[in-house]
PDB file of N, CA and C in Angstrom:
ATOM      1  N   MET A   1     -10.457   3.129 -14.006  1.00  0.00           N
ATOM      2  CA  MET A   1     -10.702   1.859 -13.354  1.00  0.00           C
ATOM      3  C   MET A   1     -11.241   2.136 -11.959  1.00  0.00           C
ATOM      4  N   ALA A   2     -12.218   1.346 -11.543  1.00  0.00           N
ATOM      5  CA  ALA A   2     -12.818   1.514 -10.228  1.00  0.00           C
ATOM      6  C   ALA A   2     -11.812   1.176  -9.137  1.00  0.00           C
ATOM      7  N   SER A   3     -11.928   1.901  -8.041  1.00  0.00           N
ATOM      8  CA  SER A   3     -11.052   1.652  -6.904  1.00  0.00           C
ATOM      9  C   SER A   3     -11.864   1.047  -5.775  1.00  0.00           C
ATOM     10  N   TYR A   4     -11.312   0.025  -5.134  1.00  0.00           N
ATOM     11  CA  TYR A   4     -11.983  -0.634  -4.026  1.00  0.00           C
ATOM     12  C   TYR A   4     -11.451  -0.137  -2.689  1.00  0.00           C
ATOM     13  N   VAL A   5     -10.698   0.930  -2.696  1.00  0.00           N
ATOM     14  CA  VAL A   5     -10.040   1.418  -1.497  1.00  0.00           C
ATOM     15  C   VAL A   5     -10.910   2.472  -0.821  1.00  0.00           C
ATOM     16  N   ASP A   6     -11.062   2.337   0.480  1.00  0.00           N
ATOM     17  CA  ASP A   6     -11.803   3.299   1.268  1.00  0.00           C
ATOM     18  C   ASP A   6     -11.152   4.674   1.130  1.00  0.00           C
ATOM     19  N   ASN A   7     -11.966   5.691   0.902  1.00  0.00           N
ATOM     20  CA  ASN A   7     -11.437   7.037   0.685  1.00  0.00           C
ATOM     21  C   ASN A   7     -10.677   7.559   1.903  1.00  0.00           C
ATOM     22  N   SER A   8     -11.114   7.217   3.111  1.00  0.00           N
ATOM     23  CA  SER A   8     -10.412   7.702   4.306  1.00  0.00           C
ATOM     24  C   SER A   8      -9.016   7.099   4.396  1.00  0.00           C
ATOM     25  N   PHE A   9      -8.859   5.837   3.964  1.00  0.00           N
ATOM     26  CA  PHE A   9      -7.528   5.225   3.939  1.00  0.00           C
ATOM     27  C   PHE A   9      -6.645   5.935   2.922  1.00  0.00           C
ATOM     28  N   ARG A  10      -7.179   6.151   1.744  1.00  0.00           N
ATOM     29  CA  ARG A  10      -6.407   6.821   0.689  1.00  0.00           C
ATOM     30  C   ARG A  10      -5.964   8.212   1.153  1.00  0.00           C
ATOM     31  N   GLN A  11      -6.854   8.963   1.771  1.00  0.00           N
ATOM     32  CA  GLN A  11      -6.495  10.300   2.256  1.00  0.00           C
ATOM     33  C   GLN A  11      -5.415  10.219   3.336  1.00  0.00           C
ATOM     34  N   ALA A  12      -5.528   9.235   4.224  1.00  0.00           N
ATOM     35  CA  ALA A  12      -4.552   9.103   5.314  1.00  0.00           C
ATOM     36  C   ALA A  12      -3.158   8.786   4.780  1.00  0.00           C
ATOM     37  N   VAL A  13      -3.059   7.899   3.793  1.00  0.00           N
ATOM     38  CA  VAL A  13      -1.729   7.542   3.289  1.00  0.00           C
ATOM     39  C   VAL A  13      -1.176   8.583   2.320  1.00  0.00           C
ATOM     40  N   MET A  14      -2.029   9.458   1.818  1.00  0.00           N
ATOM     41  CA  MET A  14      -1.551  10.513   0.930  1.00  0.00           C
ATOM     42  C   MET A  14      -0.902  11.657   1.706  1.00  0.00           C
ATOM     43  N   MET A  15      -1.205  11.772   2.994  1.00  0.00           N
ATOM     44  CA  MET A  15      -0.600  12.863   3.769  1.00  0.00           C
ATOM     45  C   MET A  15       0.817  12.508   4.188  1.00  0.00           C
ATOM     46  N   ASN A  16       1.572  13.529   4.498  1.00  0.00           N
ATOM     47  CA  ASN A  16       2.930  13.344   4.990  1.00  0.00           C
ATOM     48  C   ASN A  16       2.859  12.493   6.258  1.00  0.00           C
ATOM     49  N   PRO A  17       3.601  11.382   6.327  1.00  0.00           N
ATOM     50  CA  PRO A  17       3.528  10.515   7.512  1.00  0.00           C
ATOM     51  C   PRO A  17       3.763  11.257   8.827  1.00  0.00           C
ATOM     52  N   ALA A  18       4.600  12.264   8.831  1.00  0.00           N
ATOM     53  CA  ALA A  18       4.885  13.009  10.060  1.00  0.00           C
ATOM     54  C   ALA A  18       3.697  13.852  10.515  1.00  0.00           C
ATOM     55  N   GLU A  19       2.742  14.091   9.625  1.00  0.00           N
ATOM     56  CA  GLU A  19       1.590  14.932   9.949  1.00  0.00           C
ATOM     57  C   GLU A  19       0.330  14.133  10.246  1.00  0.00           C
ATOM     58  N   ARG A  20       0.408  12.817  10.255  1.00  0.00           N
ATOM     59  CA  ARG A  20      -0.772  11.992  10.513  1.00  0.00           C
ATOM     60  C   ARG A  20      -1.191  12.088  11.975  1.00  0.00           C
ATOM     61  N   THR A  21      -2.492  12.200  12.166  1.00  0.00           N
ATOM     62  CA  THR A  21      -3.041  12.203  13.519  1.00  0.00           C
ATOM     63  C   THR A  21      -3.192  10.762  13.997  1.00  0.00           C
ATOM     64  N   GLN A  22      -3.520  10.610  15.266  1.00  0.00           N
ATOM     65  CA  GLN A  22      -3.769   9.269  15.799  1.00  0.00           C
ATOM     66  C   GLN A  22      -4.932   8.620  15.054  1.00  0.00           C
ATOM     67  N   GLN A  23      -5.936   9.415  14.709  1.00  0.00           N
ATOM     68  CA  GLN A  23      -7.074   8.887  13.954  1.00  0.00           C
ATOM     69  C   GLN A  23      -6.623   8.394  12.574  1.00  0.00           C
ATOM     70  N   ASP A  24      -5.770   9.151  11.906  1.00  0.00           N
ATOM     71  CA  ASP A  24      -5.242   8.727  10.607  1.00  0.00           C
ATOM     72  C   ASP A  24      -4.499   7.400  10.746  1.00  0.00           C
ATOM     73  N   LEU A  25      -3.673   7.290  11.790  1.00  0.00           N
ATOM     74  CA  LEU A  25      -2.912   6.055  12.010  1.00  0.00           C
ATOM     75  C   LEU A  25      -3.837   4.872  12.261  1.00  0.00           C
ATOM     76  N   GLU A  26      -4.943   5.099  12.953  1.00  0.00           N
ATOM     77  CA  GLU A  26      -5.910   4.023  13.205  1.00  0.00           C
ATOM     78  C   GLU A  26      -6.590   3.591  11.908  1.00  0.00           C
ATOM     79  N   ILE A  27      -6.875   4.542  11.039  1.00  0.00           N
ATOM     80  CA  ILE A  27      -7.483   4.222   9.738  1.00  0.00           C
ATOM     81  C   ILE A  27      -6.518   3.370   8.918  1.00  0.00           C
ATOM     82  N   VAL A  28      -5.258   3.771   8.878  1.00  0.00           N
ATOM     83  CA  VAL A  28      -4.246   3.016   8.137  1.00  0.00           C
ATOM     84  C   VAL A  28      -4.087   1.629   8.752  1.00  0.00           C
ATOM     85  N   TYR A  29      -4.015   1.567  10.074  1.00  0.00           N
ATOM     86  CA  TYR A  29      -3.863   0.279  10.761  1.00  0.00           C
ATOM     87  C   TYR A  29      -5.030  -0.649  10.437  1.00  0.00           C
ATOM     88  N   SER A  30      -6.230  -0.131  10.501  1.00  0.00           N
ATOM     89  CA  SER A  30      -7.419  -0.940  10.234  1.00  0.00           C
ATOM     90  C   SER A  30      -7.375  -1.542   8.832  1.00  0.00           C
ATOM     91  N   TYR A  31      -6.957  -0.749   7.862  1.00  0.00           N
ATOM     92  CA  TYR A  31      -6.881  -1.240   6.485  1.00  0.00           C
ATOM     93  C   TYR A  31      -5.786  -2.293   6.339  1.00  0.00           C
ATOM     94  N   LEU A  32      -4.594  -1.992   6.827  1.00  0.00           N
ATOM     95  CA  LEU A  32      -3.476  -2.930   6.681  1.00  0.00           C
ATOM     96  C   LEU A  32      -3.713  -4.208   7.471  1.00  0.00           C
ATOM     97  N   HIS A  33      -4.359  -4.094   8.622  1.00  0.00           N
ATOM     98  CA  HIS A  33      -4.639  -5.260   9.465  1.00  0.00           C
ATOM     99  C   HIS A  33      -5.513  -6.272   8.727  1.00  0.00           C
ATOM    100  N   GLY A  34      -6.348  -5.801   7.833  1.00  0.00           N
ATOM    101  CA  GLY A  34      -7.237  -6.679   7.085  1.00  0.00           C
ATOM    102  C   GLY A  34      -6.600  -7.324   5.862  1.00  0.00           C
ATOM    103  N   MET A  35      -5.344  -7.030   5.589  1.00  0.00           N
ATOM    104  CA  MET A  35      -4.687  -7.574   4.402  1.00  0.00           C
ATOM    105  C   MET A  35      -4.042  -8.925   4.703  1.00  0.00           C
ATOM    106  N   GLU A  36      -4.367  -9.904   3.882  1.00  0.00           N
ATOM    107  CA  GLU A  36      -3.828 -11.251   4.063  1.00  0.00           C
ATOM    108  C   GLU A  36      -2.296 -11.261   4.034  1.00  0.00           C
ATOM    109  N   ALA A  37      -1.705 -10.473   3.170  1.00  0.00           N
ATOM    110  CA  ALA A  37      -0.243 -10.457   3.029  1.00  0.00           C
ATOM    111  C   ALA A  37       0.462  -9.979   4.296  1.00  0.00           C
ATOM    112  N   LEU A  38      -0.252  -9.254   5.147  1.00  0.00           N
ATOM    113  CA  LEU A  38       0.355  -8.716   6.368  1.00  0.00           C
ATOM    114  C   LEU A  38      -0.136  -9.430   7.626  1.00  0.00           C
ATOM    115  N   SER A  39      -0.891 -10.500   7.454  1.00  0.00           N
ATOM    116  CA  SER A  39      -1.522 -11.172   8.592  1.00  0.00           C
ATOM    117  C   SER A  39      -0.535 -11.816   9.559  1.00  0.00           C
ATOM    118  N   ASN A  40       0.688 -12.064   9.124  1.00  0.00           N
ATOM    119  CA  ASN A  40       1.670 -12.692  10.017  1.00  0.00           C
ATOM    120  C   ASN A  40       2.432 -11.678  10.869  1.00  0.00           C
ATOM    121  N   LEU A  41       2.200 -10.386  10.656  1.00  0.00           N
ATOM    122  CA  LEU A  41       2.897  -9.363  11.442  1.00  0.00           C
ATOM    123  C   LEU A  41       2.241  -9.190  12.810  1.00  0.00           C
ATOM    124  N   ARG A  42       3.058  -8.929  13.802  1.00  0.00           N
ATOM    125  CA  ARG A  42       2.544  -8.609  15.136  1.00  0.00           C
ATOM    126  C   ARG A  42       1.978  -7.195  15.114  1.00  0.00           C
ATOM    127  N   GLU A  43       1.132  -6.908  16.090  1.00  0.00           N
ATOM    128  CA  GLU A  43       0.474  -5.597  16.123  1.00  0.00           C
ATOM    129  C   GLU A  43       1.483  -4.453  16.116  1.00  0.00           C
ATOM    130  N   HIS A  44       2.524  -4.534  16.944  1.00  0.00           N
ATOM    131  CA  HIS A  44       3.480  -3.417  17.003  1.00  0.00           C
ATOM    132  C   HIS A  44       4.245  -3.251  15.690  1.00  0.00           C
ATOM    133  N   GLN A  45       4.488  -4.347  14.968  1.00  0.00           N
ATOM    134  CA  GLN A  45       5.159  -4.251  13.668  1.00  0.00           C
ATOM    135  C   GLN A  45       4.266  -3.527  12.663  1.00  0.00           C
ATOM    136  N   LEU A  46       2.992  -3.880  12.680  1.00  0.00           N
ATOM    137  CA  LEU A  46       2.043  -3.253  11.768  1.00  0.00           C
ATOM    138  C   LEU A  46       1.852  -1.769  12.108  1.00  0.00           C
ATOM    139  N   ARG A  47       1.847  -1.443  13.387  1.00  0.00           N
ATOM    140  CA  ARG A  47       1.691  -0.034  13.789  1.00  0.00           C
ATOM    141  C   ARG A  47       2.909   0.797  13.373  1.00  0.00           C
ATOM    142  N   ILE A  48       4.087   0.220  13.430  1.00  0.00           N
ATOM    143  CA  ILE A  48       5.287   0.916  12.947  1.00  0.00           C
ATOM    144  C   ILE A  48       5.180   1.157  11.443  1.00  0.00           C
ATOM    145  N   MET A  49       4.688   0.159  10.727  1.00  0.00           N
ATOM    146  CA  MET A  49       4.504   0.304   9.284  1.00  0.00           C
ATOM    147  C   MET A  49       3.529   1.444   8.978  1.00  0.00           C
ATOM    148  N   CYS A  50       2.501   1.593   9.803  1.00  0.00           N
ATOM    149  CA  CYS A  50       1.506   2.652   9.598  1.00  0.00           C
ATOM    150  C   CYS A  50       2.127   4.043   9.660  1.00  0.00           C
ATOM    151  N   GLU A  51       3.221   4.167  10.375  1.00  0.00           N
ATOM    152  CA  GLU A  51       3.879   5.465  10.521  1.00  0.00           C
ATOM    153  C   GLU A  51       4.742   5.832   9.315  1.00  0.00           C
ATOM    154  N   THR A  52       5.023   4.864   8.452  1.00  0.00           N
ATOM    155  CA  THR A  52       5.915   5.140   7.321  1.00  0.00           C
ATOM    156  C   THR A  52       5.286   4.884   5.956  1.00  0.00           C
ATOM    157  N   VAL A  53       4.173   4.162   5.901  1.00  0.00           N
ATOM    158  CA  VAL A  53       3.550   3.850   4.616  1.00  0.00           C
ATOM    159  C   VAL A  53       3.219   5.154   3.894  1.00  0.00           C
ATOM    160  N   ARG A  54       3.394   5.152   2.580  1.00  0.00           N
ATOM    161  CA  ARG A  54       3.123   6.364   1.803  1.00  0.00           C
ATOM    162  C   ARG A  54       2.435   5.992   0.493  1.00  0.00           C
ATOM    163  N   TYR A  55       1.776   6.955  -0.072  1.00  0.00           N
ATOM    164  CA  TYR A  55       1.022   6.780  -1.307  1.00  0.00           C
ATOM    165  C   TYR A  55       1.883   7.196  -2.488  1.00  0.00           C
ATOM    166  N   GLU A  56       1.891   6.385  -3.516  1.00  0.00           N
ATOM    167  CA  GLU A  56       2.562   6.734  -4.771  1.00  0.00           C
ATOM    168  C   GLU A  56       1.610   6.444  -5.919  1.00  0.00           C
ATOM    169  N   ARG A  57       1.674   7.269  -6.917  1.00  0.00           N
ATOM    170  CA  ARG A  57       0.890   7.050  -8.136  1.00  0.00           C
ATOM    171  C   ARG A  57       1.881   6.930  -9.283  1.00  0.00           C
ATOM    172  N   HIS A  58       1.684   5.925 -10.124  1.00  0.00           N
ATOM    173  CA  HIS A  58       2.593   5.693 -11.240  1.00  0.00           C
ATOM    174  C   HIS A  58       1.812   5.649 -12.543  1.00  0.00           C
ATOM    175  N   GLU A  59       2.426   6.169 -13.575  1.00  0.00           N
ATOM    176  CA  GLU A  59       1.817   6.191 -14.903  1.00  0.00           C
ATOM    177  C   GLU A  59       1.838   4.799 -15.527  1.00  0.00           C
ATOM    178  N   ALA A  60       0.971   4.604 -16.509  1.00  0.00           N
ATOM    179  CA  ALA A  60       0.932   3.336 -17.239  1.00  0.00           C
ATOM    180  C   ALA A  60       2.290   3.044 -17.862  1.00  0.00           C
ATOM    181  N   ASN A  61       2.681   1.809 -17.828  1.00  0.00           N
ATOM    182  CA  ASN A  61       3.933   1.305 -18.414  1.00  0.00           C
ATOM    183  C   ASN A  61       5.193   1.803 -17.712  1.00  0.00           C
ATOM    184  N   GLU A  62       5.055   2.406 -16.558  1.00  0.00           N
ATOM    185  CA  GLU A  62       6.225   2.840 -15.796  1.00  0.00           C
ATOM    186  C   GLU A  62       6.869   1.618 -15.142  1.00  0.00           C
ATOM    187  N   VAL A  63       8.170   1.515 -15.253  1.00  0.00           N
ATOM    188  CA  VAL A  63       8.905   0.391 -14.669  1.00  0.00           C
ATOM    189  C   VAL A  63       9.319   0.761 -13.247  1.00  0.00           C
ATOM    190  N   LEU A  64       8.941  -0.075 -12.292  1.00  0.00           N
ATOM    191  CA  LEU A  64       9.293   0.169 -10.893  1.00  0.00           C
ATOM    192  C   LEU A  64      10.559  -0.572 -10.497  1.00  0.00           C
ATOM    193  N   TYR A  65      10.749  -1.739 -11.051  1.00  0.00           N
ATOM    194  CA  TYR A  65      11.942  -2.544 -10.786  1.00  0.00           C
ATOM    195  C   TYR A  65      12.400  -3.186 -12.089  1.00  0.00           C
ATOM    196  N   TYR A  66      13.674  -3.338 -12.222  1.00  0.00           N
ATOM    197  CA  TYR A  66      14.251  -4.083 -13.340  1.00  0.00           C
ATOM    198  C   TYR A  66      14.777  -5.408 -12.810  1.00  0.00           C
ATOM    199  N   PRO A  67      14.904  -6.422 -13.697  1.00  0.00           N
ATOM    200  CA  PRO A  67      15.481  -7.694 -13.249  1.00  0.00           C
ATOM    201  C   PRO A  67      16.834  -7.451 -12.577  1.00  0.00           C
ATOM    202  N   ASP A  68      17.075  -8.166 -11.530  1.00  0.00           N
ATOM    203  CA  ASP A  68      18.316  -8.091 -10.744  1.00  0.00           C
ATOM    204  C   ASP A  68      18.424  -6.848  -9.870  1.00  0.00           C
ATOM    205  N   ASP A  69      17.415  -5.957  -9.882  1.00  0.00           N
ATOM    206  CA  ASP A  69      17.418  -4.836  -8.937  1.00  0.00           C
ATOM    207  C   ASP A  69      17.213  -5.377  -7.528  1.00  0.00           C
ATOM    208  N   VAL A  70      17.824  -4.733  -6.575  1.00  0.00           N
ATOM    209  CA  VAL A  70      17.564  -5.038  -5.176  1.00  0.00           C
ATOM    210  C   VAL A  70      16.500  -4.055  -4.709  1.00  0.00           C
ATOM    211  N   GLY A  71      15.358  -4.568  -4.314  1.00  0.00           N
ATOM    212  CA  GLY A  71      14.265  -3.703  -3.900  1.00  0.00           C
ATOM    213  C   GLY A  71      14.515  -3.095  -2.532  1.00  0.00           C
ATOM    214  N   SER A  72      14.125  -1.847  -2.370  1.00  0.00           N
ATOM    215  CA  SER A  72      14.260  -1.176  -1.078  1.00  0.00           C
ATOM    216  C   SER A  72      12.898  -0.951  -0.425  1.00  0.00           C
ATOM    217  N   CYS A  73      11.837  -1.331  -1.117  1.00  0.00           N
ATOM    218  CA  CYS A  73      10.491  -1.212  -0.577  1.00  0.00           C
ATOM    219  C   CYS A  73       9.593  -2.200  -1.319  1.00  0.00           C
ATOM    220  N   TRP A  74       8.355  -2.278  -0.899  1.00  0.00           N
ATOM    221  CA  TRP A  74       7.389  -3.084  -1.631  1.00  0.00           C
ATOM    222  C   TRP A  74       6.104  -2.297  -1.747  1.00  0.00           C
ATOM    223  N   TYR A  75       5.230  -2.732  -2.638  1.00  0.00           N
ATOM    224  CA  TYR A  75       4.050  -1.962  -2.988  1.00  0.00           C
ATOM    225  C   TYR A  75       2.778  -2.726  -2.665  1.00  0.00           C
ATOM    226  N   ILE A  76       1.750  -1.978  -2.281  1.00  0.00           N
ATOM    227  CA  ILE A  76       0.394  -2.496  -2.132  1.00  0.00           C
ATOM    228  C   ILE A  76      -0.398  -1.877  -3.269  1.00  0.00           C
ATOM    229  N   LEU A  77      -0.920  -2.692  -4.141  1.00  0.00           N
ATOM    230  CA  LEU A  77      -1.652  -2.209  -5.308  1.00  0.00           C
ATOM    231  C   LEU A  77      -3.076  -1.848  -4.903  1.00  0.00           C
ATOM    232  N   LEU A  78      -3.424  -0.573  -5.025  1.00  0.00           N
ATOM    233  CA  LEU A  78      -4.754  -0.102  -4.654  1.00  0.00           C
ATOM    234  C   LEU A  78      -5.704  -0.097  -5.835  1.00  0.00           C
ATOM    235  N   SER A  79      -5.199   0.224  -7.016  1.00  0.00           N
ATOM    236  CA  SER A  79      -6.019   0.218  -8.221  1.00  0.00           C
ATOM    237  C   SER A  79      -5.103   0.048  -9.417  1.00  0.00           C
ATOM    238  N   GLY A  80      -5.695  -0.310 -10.547  1.00  0.00           N
ATOM    239  CA  GLY A  80      -4.904  -0.526 -11.750  1.00  0.00           C
ATOM    240  C   GLY A  80      -4.439  -1.963 -11.840  1.00  0.00           C
ATOM    241  N   SER A  81      -3.341  -2.174 -12.500  1.00  0.00           N
ATOM    242  CA  SER A  81      -2.784  -3.518 -12.645  1.00  0.00           C
ATOM    243  C   SER A  81      -1.273  -3.405 -12.744  1.00  0.00           C
ATOM    244  N   VAL A  82      -0.614  -4.526 -12.544  1.00  0.00           N
ATOM    245  CA  VAL A  82       0.841  -4.550 -12.607  1.00  0.00           C
ATOM    246  C   VAL A  82       1.265  -5.852 -13.273  1.00  0.00           C
ATOM    247  N   PHE A  83       2.302  -5.778 -14.088  1.00  0.00           N
ATOM    248  CA  PHE A  83       2.876  -6.969 -14.701  1.00  0.00           C
ATOM    249  C   PHE A  83       4.151  -7.332 -13.963  1.00  0.00           C
ATOM    250  N   ILE A  84       4.236  -8.589 -13.554  1.00  0.00           N
ATOM    251  CA  ILE A  84       5.429  -9.116 -12.903  1.00  0.00           C
ATOM    252  C   ILE A  84       5.773 -10.424 -13.593  1.00  0.00           C
ATOM    253  N   LYS A  85       6.942 -10.463 -14.194  1.00  0.00           N
ATOM    254  CA  LYS A  85       7.394 -11.664 -14.908  1.00  0.00           C
ATOM    255  C   LYS A  85       6.316 -12.174 -15.864  1.00  0.00           C
ATOM    256  N   GLU A  86       5.804 -11.274 -16.674  1.00  0.00           N
ATOM    257  CA  GLU A  86       4.845 -11.575 -17.732  1.00  0.00           C
ATOM    258  C   GLU A  86       3.487 -12.041 -17.229  1.00  0.00           C
ATOM    259  N   SER A  87       3.182 -11.831 -15.953  1.00  0.00           N
ATOM    260  CA  SER A  87       1.869 -12.140 -15.398  1.00  0.00           C
ATOM    261  C   SER A  87       1.224 -10.847 -14.917  1.00  0.00           C
ATOM    262  N   MET A  88      -0.097 -10.740 -15.111  1.00  0.00           N
ATOM    263  CA  MET A  88      -0.812  -9.545 -14.673  1.00  0.00           C
ATOM    264  C   MET A  88      -1.412  -9.786 -13.296  1.00  0.00           C
ATOM    265  N   PHE A  89      -1.310  -8.769 -12.427  1.00  0.00           N
ATOM    266  CA  PHE A  89      -1.908  -8.821 -11.102  1.00  0.00           C
ATOM    267  C   PHE A  89      -2.824  -7.619 -10.933  1.00  0.00           C
ATOM    268  N   LEU A  90      -3.967  -7.854 -10.305  1.00  0.00           N
ATOM    269  CA  LEU A  90      -4.949  -6.811 -10.027  1.00  0.00           C
ATOM    270  C   LEU A  90      -5.121  -6.701  -8.518  1.00  0.00           C
ATOM    271  N   PRO A  91      -5.556  -5.536  -8.020  1.00  0.00           N
ATOM    272  CA  PRO A  91      -5.778  -5.430  -6.577  1.00  0.00           C
ATOM    273  C   PRO A  91      -6.959  -6.288  -6.156  1.00  0.00           C
ATOM    274  N   ARG A  92      -6.884  -6.826  -4.946  1.00  0.00           N
ATOM    275  CA  ARG A  92      -8.004  -7.597  -4.412  1.00  0.00           C
ATOM    276  C   ARG A  92      -9.052  -6.645  -3.885  1.00  0.00           C
ATOM    277  N   SER A  93     -10.314  -7.029  -4.019  1.00  0.00           N
ATOM    278  CA  SER A  93     -11.371  -6.220  -3.414  1.00  0.00           C
ATOM    279  C   SER A  93     -11.480  -6.616  -1.954  1.00  0.00           C
ATOM    280  N   ARG A  94     -11.863  -5.668  -1.129  1.00  0.00           N
ATOM    281  CA  ARG A  94     -11.968  -5.938   0.309  1.00  0.00           C
ATOM    282  C   ARG A  94     -13.360  -6.314   0.662  1.00  0.00           C
TER     283      ARG A  94
END
């Protein structure tokens, strides 16, 4: 499946957060700043998020949460699709 994610963003979030340079953090910030779901966050909140965001890859049909689970994180879908309560969601193109 085609990915709409900028390669520099993907590379930045794939690295260990403790090893990100200021340039990497700016790349992550620029991408997250453009997301509608994060538009209500203040700049300093978004910059803190940039220091901890990480990349995960999951196989098809892998369950991330079960009903009644208490989530400890949330996901930004970069490519592929996800089913939530019998509805399919796809990543938005930028």
